[in-house]
Amino acid sequence: MNTPLFFQHFGILAVASPVLLLIIMIKQFPVALGVLGAGGDPLEILREIPHFIAAANPAIAAIGVVSLLIMFARPAIRQRVYLLKPIPAPPVVLMVAVPM
């Protein structure tokens, strides 16, 4: 058996996790834009993305975009700013998003 150790340890979860993560991200896209009443299966939501962008609430969408930027840029910023090293990304997102 030449199965990688990762798959031996986690089994089916190692294969299903990326799919579940993608589904969760798709389902949360309308929420991050502030679109009310969006629902359905992930493929329906994917088809409706242009509509969601057109119907987005600008204030809520700005909070969502800034929050995502902080989460993805956090590793690079953490290297440069010494004071931010011990603080995890979610509290930084809250400190920026709550006053918005």
N, C-alpha and C. Protein backbone atom coordinates (compact mmCIF):
# COMPACT_ATOMS: atom_id res chain seq x y z
N MET A 1 0.83 -1.19 0.00
CA MET A 1 0.00 0.00 0.00
C MET A 1 0.87 1.24 0.00
N ASN A 2 0.75 2.05 -1.02
CA ASN A 2 1.47 3.31 -1.10
C ASN A 2 0.54 4.49 -0.90
N THR A 3 -0.39 4.38 0.02
CA THR A 3 -1.30 5.48 0.31
C THR A 3 -0.57 6.52 1.14
N PRO A 4 -0.68 7.80 0.78
CA PRO A 4 -0.02 8.83 1.57
C PRO A 4 -0.51 8.81 3.02
N LEU A 5 0.37 9.18 3.92
CA LEU A 5 0.06 9.16 5.34
C LEU A 5 -1.15 10.02 5.68
N PHE A 6 -1.28 11.16 5.00
CA PHE A 6 -2.41 12.05 5.25
C PHE A 6 -3.73 11.33 5.05
N PHE A 7 -3.85 10.59 3.95
CA PHE A 7 -5.09 9.88 3.67
C PHE A 7 -5.27 8.67 4.57
N GLN A 8 -4.19 8.05 5.01
CA GLN A 8 -4.31 6.93 5.93
C GLN A 8 -4.86 7.40 7.27
N HIS A 9 -4.43 8.58 7.69
CA HIS A 9 -4.83 9.06 9.00
C HIS A 9 -6.27 9.58 9.02
N PHE A 10 -6.67 10.31 7.99
CA PHE A 10 -7.98 10.94 7.99
C PHE A 10 -9.02 10.22 7.16
N GLY A 11 -8.62 9.32 6.29
CA GLY A 11 -9.55 8.54 5.50
C GLY A 11 -10.42 9.38 4.59
N ILE A 12 -11.72 9.13 4.60
CA ILE A 12 -12.65 9.81 3.71
C ILE A 12 -12.76 11.29 4.03
N LEU A 13 -12.49 11.66 5.27
CA LEU A 13 -12.57 13.07 5.65
C LEU A 13 -11.56 13.91 4.87
N ALA A 14 -10.41 13.34 4.56
CA ALA A 14 -9.39 14.08 3.82
C ALA A 14 -9.85 14.39 2.40
N VAL A 15 -10.70 13.56 1.85
CA VAL A 15 -11.21 13.79 0.50
C VAL A 15 -12.43 14.70 0.54
N ALA A 16 -13.28 14.52 1.53
CA ALA A 16 -14.53 15.27 1.60
C ALA A 16 -14.34 16.68 2.11
N SER A 17 -13.33 16.94 2.90
CA SER A 17 -13.16 18.25 3.52
C SER A 17 -13.04 19.40 2.51
N PRO A 18 -12.25 19.28 1.44
CA PRO A 18 -12.20 20.39 0.48
C PRO A 18 -13.55 20.67 -0.18
N VAL A 19 -14.32 19.63 -0.42
CA VAL A 19 -15.63 19.81 -1.04
C VAL A 19 -16.56 20.51 -0.07
N LEU A 20 -16.54 20.10 1.19
CA LEU A 20 -17.39 20.74 2.19
C LEU A 20 -16.99 22.19 2.40
N LEU A 21 -15.70 22.46 2.39
CA LEU A 21 -15.23 23.83 2.54
C LEU A 21 -15.71 24.69 1.37
N LEU A 22 -15.66 24.18 0.18
CA LEU A 22 -16.13 24.91 -0.99
C LEU A 22 -17.63 25.18 -0.91
N ILE A 23 -18.40 24.21 -0.46
CA ILE A 23 -19.85 24.39 -0.31
C ILE A 23 -20.14 25.47 0.72
N ILE A 24 -19.44 25.45 1.84
CA ILE A 24 -19.65 26.46 2.87
C ILE A 24 -19.31 27.85 2.34
N MET A 25 -18.21 27.95 1.58
CA MET A 25 -17.82 29.25 1.02
C MET A 25 -18.88 29.76 0.04
N ILE A 26 -19.41 28.89 -0.79
CA ILE A 26 -20.43 29.28 -1.76
C ILE A 26 -21.70 29.74 -1.03
N LYS A 27 -22.09 29.01 0.01
CA LYS A 27 -23.30 29.36 0.75
C LYS A 27 -23.16 30.67 1.51
N GLN A 28 -21.94 31.02 1.90
CA GLN A 28 -21.72 32.25 2.67
C GLN A 28 -21.51 33.47 1.79
N PHE A 29 -21.32 33.30 0.50
CA PHE A 29 -21.08 34.42 -0.40
C PHE A 29 -22.21 35.45 -0.37
N PRO A 30 -23.49 35.05 -0.50
CA PRO A 30 -24.56 36.05 -0.43
C PRO A 30 -24.63 36.74 0.94
N VAL A 31 -24.34 36.01 1.99
CA VAL A 31 -24.36 36.59 3.34
C VAL A 31 -23.30 37.67 3.46
N ALA A 32 -22.11 37.43 2.91
CA ALA A 32 -21.03 38.41 2.97
C ALA A 32 -21.35 39.66 2.17
N LEU A 33 -22.23 39.54 1.19
CA LEU A 33 -22.62 40.70 0.39
C LEU A 33 -23.86 41.40 0.94
N GLY A 34 -24.49 40.80 1.94
CA GLY A 34 -25.68 41.40 2.53
C GLY A 34 -26.94 41.18 1.74
N VAL A 35 -27.00 40.12 0.97
CA VAL A 35 -28.19 39.79 0.18
C VAL A 35 -29.12 38.94 1.04
N LEU A 36 -30.36 39.39 1.17
CA LEU A 36 -31.34 38.68 1.98
C LEU A 36 -32.09 37.65 1.14
N GLY A 37 -32.47 36.55 1.78
CA GLY A 37 -33.31 35.56 1.13
C GLY A 37 -32.61 34.67 0.13
N ALA A 38 -31.29 34.68 0.09
CA ALA A 38 -30.57 33.82 -0.84
C ALA A 38 -30.48 32.42 -0.24
N GLY A 39 -30.83 31.44 -1.01
CA GLY A 39 -30.77 30.07 -0.53
C GLY A 39 -30.79 29.11 -1.69
N GLY A 40 -30.80 27.84 -1.35
CA GLY A 40 -30.82 26.82 -2.38
C GLY A 40 -29.55 25.99 -2.35
N ASP A 41 -29.42 25.16 -3.36
CA ASP A 41 -28.21 24.34 -3.41
C ASP A 41 -27.04 25.17 -3.95
N PRO A 42 -25.82 24.70 -3.74
CA PRO A 42 -24.64 25.47 -4.14
C PRO A 42 -24.59 25.82 -5.62
N LEU A 43 -25.07 24.94 -6.50
CA LEU A 43 -25.05 25.25 -7.93
C LEU A 43 -26.00 26.39 -8.28
N GLU A 44 -27.16 26.43 -7.61
CA GLU A 44 -28.08 27.55 -7.82
C GLU A 44 -27.45 28.86 -7.36
N ILE A 45 -26.77 28.81 -6.23
CA ILE A 45 -26.12 30.01 -5.69
C ILE A 45 -25.02 30.47 -6.65
N LEU A 46 -24.25 29.53 -7.19
CA LEU A 46 -23.20 29.90 -8.15
C LEU A 46 -23.78 30.60 -9.38
N ARG A 47 -24.93 30.10 -9.86
CA ARG A 47 -25.57 30.71 -11.02
C ARG A 47 -26.07 32.11 -10.71
N GLU A 48 -26.41 32.38 -9.47
CA GLU A 48 -26.99 33.66 -9.08
C GLU A 48 -25.95 34.68 -8.61
N ILE A 49 -24.66 34.36 -8.67
CA ILE A 49 -23.63 35.28 -8.18
C ILE A 49 -23.70 36.65 -8.84
N PRO A 50 -23.87 36.77 -10.16
CA PRO A 50 -23.99 38.12 -10.73
C PRO A 50 -25.17 38.91 -10.14
N HIS A 51 -26.28 38.23 -9.90
CA HIS A 51 -27.44 38.89 -9.28
C HIS A 51 -27.10 39.34 -7.86
N PHE A 52 -26.39 38.50 -7.10
CA PHE A 52 -26.02 38.85 -5.73
C PHE A 52 -25.10 40.07 -5.71
N ILE A 53 -24.18 40.14 -6.65
CA ILE A 53 -23.26 41.28 -6.71
C ILE A 53 -24.04 42.55 -7.04
N ALA A 54 -25.01 42.45 -7.95
CA ALA A 54 -25.81 43.62 -8.32
C ALA A 54 -26.71 44.06 -7.16
N ALA A 55 -27.19 43.12 -6.35
CA ALA A 55 -28.11 43.43 -5.26
C ALA A 55 -27.40 43.61 -3.92
N ALA A 56 -26.09 43.69 -3.93
CA ALA A 56 -25.32 43.74 -2.68
C ALA A 56 -25.58 45.03 -1.91
N ASN A 57 -25.59 44.91 -0.60
CA ASN A 57 -25.66 46.07 0.29
C ASN A 57 -24.22 46.59 0.41
N PRO A 58 -23.93 47.82 -0.04
CA PRO A 58 -22.55 48.29 -0.07
C PRO A 58 -21.84 48.29 1.28
N ALA A 59 -22.55 48.64 2.34
CA ALA A 59 -21.91 48.69 3.67
C ALA A 59 -21.52 47.29 4.13
N ILE A 60 -22.42 46.34 3.98
CA ILE A 60 -22.14 44.97 4.40
C ILE A 60 -21.09 44.33 3.50
N ALA A 61 -21.16 44.60 2.20
CA ALA A 61 -20.17 44.05 1.27
C ALA A 61 -18.77 44.59 1.58
N ALA A 62 -18.69 45.87 1.97
CA ALA A 62 -17.39 46.45 2.32
C ALA A 62 -16.80 45.75 3.55
N ILE A 63 -17.64 45.49 4.55
CA ILE A 63 -17.18 44.78 5.74
C ILE A 63 -16.70 43.38 5.36
N GLY A 64 -17.45 42.68 4.50
CA GLY A 64 -17.06 41.34 4.08
C GLY A 64 -15.75 41.33 3.31
N VAL A 65 -15.59 42.27 2.38
CA VAL A 65 -14.37 42.32 1.58
C VAL A 65 -13.16 42.67 2.45
N VAL A 66 -13.31 43.67 3.32
CA VAL A 66 -12.21 44.05 4.20
C VAL A 66 -11.83 42.89 5.13
N SER A 67 -12.83 42.19 5.64
CA SER A 67 -12.57 41.05 6.52
C SER A 67 -11.79 39.96 5.79
N LEU A 68 -12.20 39.65 4.56
CA LEU A 68 -11.47 38.64 3.78
C LEU A 68 -10.05 39.09 3.46
N LEU A 69 -9.88 40.36 3.12
CA LEU A 69 -8.54 40.88 2.85
C LEU A 69 -7.63 40.75 4.07
N ILE A 70 -8.17 41.07 5.24
CA ILE A 70 -7.37 40.93 6.46
C ILE A 70 -7.00 39.47 6.68
N MET A 71 -7.96 38.57 6.52
CA MET A 71 -7.68 37.15 6.76
C MET A 71 -6.61 36.61 5.81
N PHE A 72 -6.67 37.00 4.53
CA PHE A 72 -5.71 36.48 3.56
C PHE A 72 -4.38 37.22 3.59
N ALA A 73 -4.39 38.49 3.95
CA ALA A 73 -3.14 39.25 4.01
C ALA A 73 -2.45 39.12 5.36
N ARG A 74 -3.10 38.54 6.31
CA ARG A 74 -2.58 38.43 7.68
C ARG A 74 -1.19 37.80 7.75
N PRO A 75 -0.89 36.71 7.08
CA PRO A 75 0.46 36.13 7.19
C PRO A 75 1.55 37.09 6.74
N ALA A 76 1.32 37.84 5.68
CA ALA A 76 2.34 38.78 5.20
C ALA A 76 2.49 39.97 6.14
N ILE A 77 1.36 40.46 6.66
CA ILE A 77 1.40 41.60 7.58
C ILE A 77 2.04 41.20 8.90
N ARG A 78 1.76 40.00 9.33
CA ARG A 78 2.28 39.50 10.61
C ARG A 78 3.81 39.49 10.63
N GLN A 79 4.42 39.22 9.51
CA GLN A 79 5.88 39.18 9.42
C GLN A 79 6.48 40.57 9.60
N ARG A 80 5.77 41.62 9.13
CA ARG A 80 6.33 42.97 9.12
C ARG A 80 6.00 43.79 10.36
N VAL A 81 4.84 43.57 10.96
CA VAL A 81 4.41 44.37 12.11
C VAL A 81 4.57 43.55 13.38
N TYR A 82 5.53 43.94 14.20
CA TYR A 82 5.89 43.17 15.40
C TYR A 82 4.73 43.08 16.39
N LEU A 83 3.97 44.16 16.55
CA LEU A 83 2.91 44.18 17.56
C LEU A 83 1.75 43.24 17.21
N LEU A 84 1.60 42.91 15.94
CA LEU A 84 0.50 42.04 15.54
C LEU A 84 0.83 40.55 15.59
N LYS A 85 2.09 40.21 15.86
CA LYS A 85 2.47 38.79 15.85
C LYS A 85 1.67 37.93 16.83
N PRO A 86 1.45 38.37 18.08
CA PRO A 86 0.74 37.47 19.01
C PRO A 86 -0.78 37.47 18.84
N ILE A 87 -1.33 38.37 18.02
CA ILE A 87 -2.78 38.48 17.89
C ILE A 87 -3.25 37.66 16.69
N PRO A 88 -4.17 36.72 16.89
CA PRO A 88 -4.70 35.94 15.76
C PRO A 88 -5.56 36.82 14.84
N ALA A 89 -5.81 36.33 13.64
CA ALA A 89 -6.54 37.11 12.63
C ALA A 89 -7.98 37.43 13.01
N PRO A 90 -8.78 36.51 13.57
CA PRO A 90 -10.18 36.86 13.86
C PRO A 90 -10.35 38.08 14.78
N PRO A 91 -9.56 38.23 15.86
CA PRO A 91 -9.72 39.46 16.66
C PRO A 91 -9.34 40.72 15.87
N VAL A 92 -8.37 40.62 14.99
CA VAL A 92 -7.99 41.79 14.17
C VAL A 92 -9.15 42.16 13.25
N VAL A 93 -9.80 41.16 12.67
CA VAL A 93 -10.96 41.41 11.82
C VAL A 93 -12.06 42.10 12.63
N LEU A 94 -12.31 41.63 13.84
CA LEU A 94 -13.32 42.26 14.67
C LEU A 94 -12.96 43.69 15.03
N MET A 95 -11.68 43.94 15.34
CA MET A 95 -11.26 45.29 15.69
C MET A 95 -11.44 46.27 14.53
N VAL A 96 -11.31 45.77 13.32
CA VAL A 96 -11.47 46.64 12.13
C VAL A 96 -12.94 46.71 11.71
N ALA A 97 -13.66 45.59 11.73
CA ALA A 97 -15.01 45.53 11.18
C ALA A 97 -16.07 46.15 12.09
N VAL A 98 -15.92 46.04 13.40
CA VAL A 98 -16.95 46.56 14.30
C VAL A 98 -17.10 48.08 14.17
N PRO A 99 -16.03 48.84 14.13
CA PRO A 99 -16.23 50.29 13.95
C PRO A 99 -16.78 50.68 12.58
N MET A 100 -16.66 49.80 11.60
CA MET A 100 -17.17 50.12 10.26
C MET A 100 -18.68 50.18 10.33
